Amino acid sequence: MKPQPQQPTGAFVGASWAALFIGGITYLAGVWNAAMQLNEKGYYFTLLMYGLFSAVSLQKSVRDKLEGIPVTGIYFGLCWLSLGLSILLLSVGLWNATLNWSEKGFFAMAFLLSLFAAVAVQKNVRDMGLIRSGADTMPMHDGHES
């Protein structure tokens, strides 16, 4: 029996997108304005993109397994490894960076906010897609009691 997704509220969808944009834009603004070489900026940019992709891929794999869609063990393991590596590489990069501790904390928090928000956005998109695809067979509910 497949679990039935619930329609996410507009507030949750909006908060998820806002968190993703706020986290990503503040992280990238920090990278842009940081006193570091261009290759270091590229490293932190690449880590954000890798982290976002791995977080979304892991969330999709978890949902696929939950819904009975086959996911190979190697892919599932690679998703976890990728997410862990992105966080580890950020940690190592920040530990060795010549930034103030407050700047390091800023990067870490913006990075983690972006990862969390990407998972929430992907969940919302998937839930709304499943609800739309099943709209022909599901009764419509407008939030008002009859």
Protein backbone atom coordinates (compact mmCIF):
# COMPACT_ATOMS: atom_id res chain seq x y z
CA MET A 1 0.00 0.00 0.00
CA LYS A 2 1.48 3.31 -1.11
CA PRO A 3 1.27 6.24 1.30
CA GLN A 4 -1.00 9.03 0.09
CA PRO A 5 0.72 12.41 -0.06
CA GLN A 6 -1.02 15.39 1.43
CA GLN A 7 -1.19 18.73 -0.30
CA PRO A 8 1.44 20.96 1.32
CA THR A 9 0.10 24.28 2.55
CA GLY A 10 0.91 27.42 0.65
CA ALA A 11 2.75 28.73 3.69
CA PHE A 12 5.03 25.67 3.79
CA VAL A 13 5.69 25.80 0.06
CA GLY A 14 6.48 29.52 0.27
CA ALA A 15 8.69 29.09 3.34
CA SER A 16 10.58 26.25 1.64
CA TRP A 17 11.28 28.28 -1.49
CA ALA A 18 12.19 31.35 0.59
CA ALA A 19 14.62 29.32 2.71
CA LEU A 20 16.23 27.89 -0.44
CA PHE A 21 16.67 31.31 -2.03
CA ILE A 22 17.79 32.99 1.19
CA GLY A 23 20.27 30.24 2.01
CA GLY A 24 21.65 29.99 -1.51
CA ILE A 25 21.84 33.71 -2.20
CA THR A 26 23.43 34.58 1.14
CA TYR A 27 25.97 31.76 0.73
CA LEU A 28 26.83 32.95 -2.78
CA ALA A 29 26.97 36.58 -1.65
CA GLY A 30 29.38 35.53 1.08
CA VAL A 31 31.53 33.70 -1.46
CA TRP A 32 31.44 36.68 -3.83
CA ASN A 33 32.48 39.15 -1.11
CA ALA A 34 34.97 36.92 0.72
CA ALA A 35 38.63 37.84 0.66
CA MET A 36 39.78 34.66 -1.07
CA GLN A 37 41.27 33.66 -4.38
CA LEU A 38 39.06 32.91 -7.36
CA ASN A 39 39.86 29.19 -7.22
CA GLU A 40 38.67 29.09 -3.59
CA LYS A 41 35.45 30.82 -4.57
CA GLY A 42 34.98 28.20 -7.28
CA TYR A 43 35.52 25.45 -4.69
CA TYR A 44 32.80 26.81 -2.40
CA PHE A 45 30.41 27.38 -5.32
CA THR A 46 30.96 23.81 -6.54
CA LEU A 47 30.40 22.47 -3.04
CA LEU A 48 27.03 24.23 -2.84
CA MET A 49 25.93 22.80 -6.19
CA TYR A 50 27.18 19.30 -5.26
CA GLY A 51 25.51 19.49 -1.86
CA LEU A 52 22.17 20.62 -3.29
CA PHE A 53 22.21 17.90 -5.92
CA SER A 54 23.16 15.17 -3.46
CA ALA A 55 20.52 16.26 -0.92
CA VAL A 56 17.75 16.27 -3.54
CA SER A 57 18.94 12.96 -4.98
CA LEU A 58 18.96 11.35 -1.54
CA GLN A 59 15.48 12.67 -0.75
CA LYS A 60 14.20 11.34 -4.07
CA SER A 61 15.74 7.94 -3.40
CA VAL A 62 14.19 7.76 0.06
CA ARG A 63 10.78 8.65 -1.36
CA ASP A 64 11.19 6.16 -4.21
CA LYS A 65 11.91 3.38 -1.72
CA LEU A 66 8.96 4.45 0.44
CA GLU A 67 6.65 4.34 -2.58
CA GLY A 68 7.89 0.93 -3.70
CA ILE A 69 9.93 2.21 -6.65
CA PRO A 70 13.12 0.15 -6.90
CA VAL A 71 16.34 1.91 -5.90
CA THR A 72 19.60 0.02 -6.16
CA GLY A 73 21.69 -0.23 -3.04
CA ILE A 74 24.72 1.21 -4.82
CA TYR A 75 22.81 4.33 -5.88
CA PHE A 76 21.27 4.76 -2.45
CA GLY A 77 24.72 4.40 -0.87
CA LEU A 78 26.23 6.87 -3.34
CA CYS A 79 23.53 9.41 -2.43
CA TRP A 80 24.45 9.15 1.26
CA LEU A 81 28.17 9.22 0.43
CA SER A 82 27.75 12.30 -1.76
CA LEU A 83 25.82 14.21 0.88
CA GLY A 84 28.37 13.26 3.53
CA LEU A 85 31.27 14.20 1.26
CA SER A 86 29.80 17.60 0.47
CA ILE A 87 29.45 18.38 4.19
CA LEU A 88 32.90 16.94 4.95
CA LEU A 89 34.54 18.91 2.13
CA LEU A 90 32.87 22.11 3.30
CA SER A 91 34.03 21.43 6.87
CA VAL A 92 37.62 20.76 5.80
CA GLY A 93 37.62 23.81 3.52
CA LEU A 94 36.29 26.09 6.26
CA TRP A 95 38.61 24.63 8.89
CA ASN A 96 41.63 25.46 6.72
CA ALA A 97 40.32 28.78 5.39
CA THR A 98 41.82 32.05 6.53
CA LEU A 99 38.44 33.45 7.51
CA ASN A 100 37.13 34.66 10.84
CA TRP A 101 35.15 32.11 12.84
CA SER A 102 32.03 34.21 12.35
CA GLU A 103 32.49 33.99 8.57
CA LYS A 104 33.04 30.25 8.77
CA GLY A 105 29.85 29.89 10.78
CA PHE A 106 28.00 32.04 8.27
CA PHE A 107 29.06 29.77 5.40
CA ALA A 108 28.22 26.60 7.31
CA MET A 109 24.76 27.81 8.33
CA ALA A 110 23.86 29.15 4.88
CA PHE A 111 25.05 25.86 3.34
CA LEU A 112 22.99 23.73 5.72
CA LEU A 113 19.93 25.96 5.33
CA SER A 114 20.20 25.53 1.56
CA LEU A 115 20.46 21.73 1.82
CA PHE A 116 17.47 21.49 4.14
CA ALA A 117 15.42 23.83 2.00
CA ALA A 118 16.28 21.91 -1.20
CA VAL A 119 14.93 18.74 0.40
CA ALA A 120 11.74 20.51 1.48
CA VAL A 121 11.22 22.07 -1.97
CA GLN A 122 11.77 18.73 -3.70
CA LYS A 123 9.31 17.05 -1.33
CA ASN A 124 6.69 19.71 -2.04
CA VAL A 125 7.20 19.47 -5.80
CA ARG A 126 6.88 15.70 -5.69
CA ASP A 127 3.82 15.72 -3.42
CA MET A 128 2.05 18.29 -5.59
CA GLY A 129 2.95 16.33 -8.73
CA LEU A 130 1.55 13.11 -7.29
CA ILE A 131 -1.61 14.86 -6.18
CA ARG A 132 -2.05 16.45 -9.62
CA SER A 133 -1.47 13.14 -11.41
CA GLY A 134 -4.06 11.47 -9.20
CA ALA A 135 -6.51 14.38 -9.36
CA ASP A 136 -8.70 12.44 -11.81
CA THR A 137 -9.34 9.71 -9.24
CA MET A 138 -9.10 11.67 -5.99
CA PRO A 139 -12.04 13.68 -4.64
CA MET A 140 -11.49 17.41 -4.68
CA HIS A 141 -11.24 19.13 -1.31
CA ASP A 142 -11.20 22.91 -1.08
CA GLY A 143 -10.62 23.11 2.66
CA HIS A 144 -14.27 23.84 3.50
CA GLU A 145 -16.48 21.38 5.30
CA SER A 146 -19.70 20.39 3.52
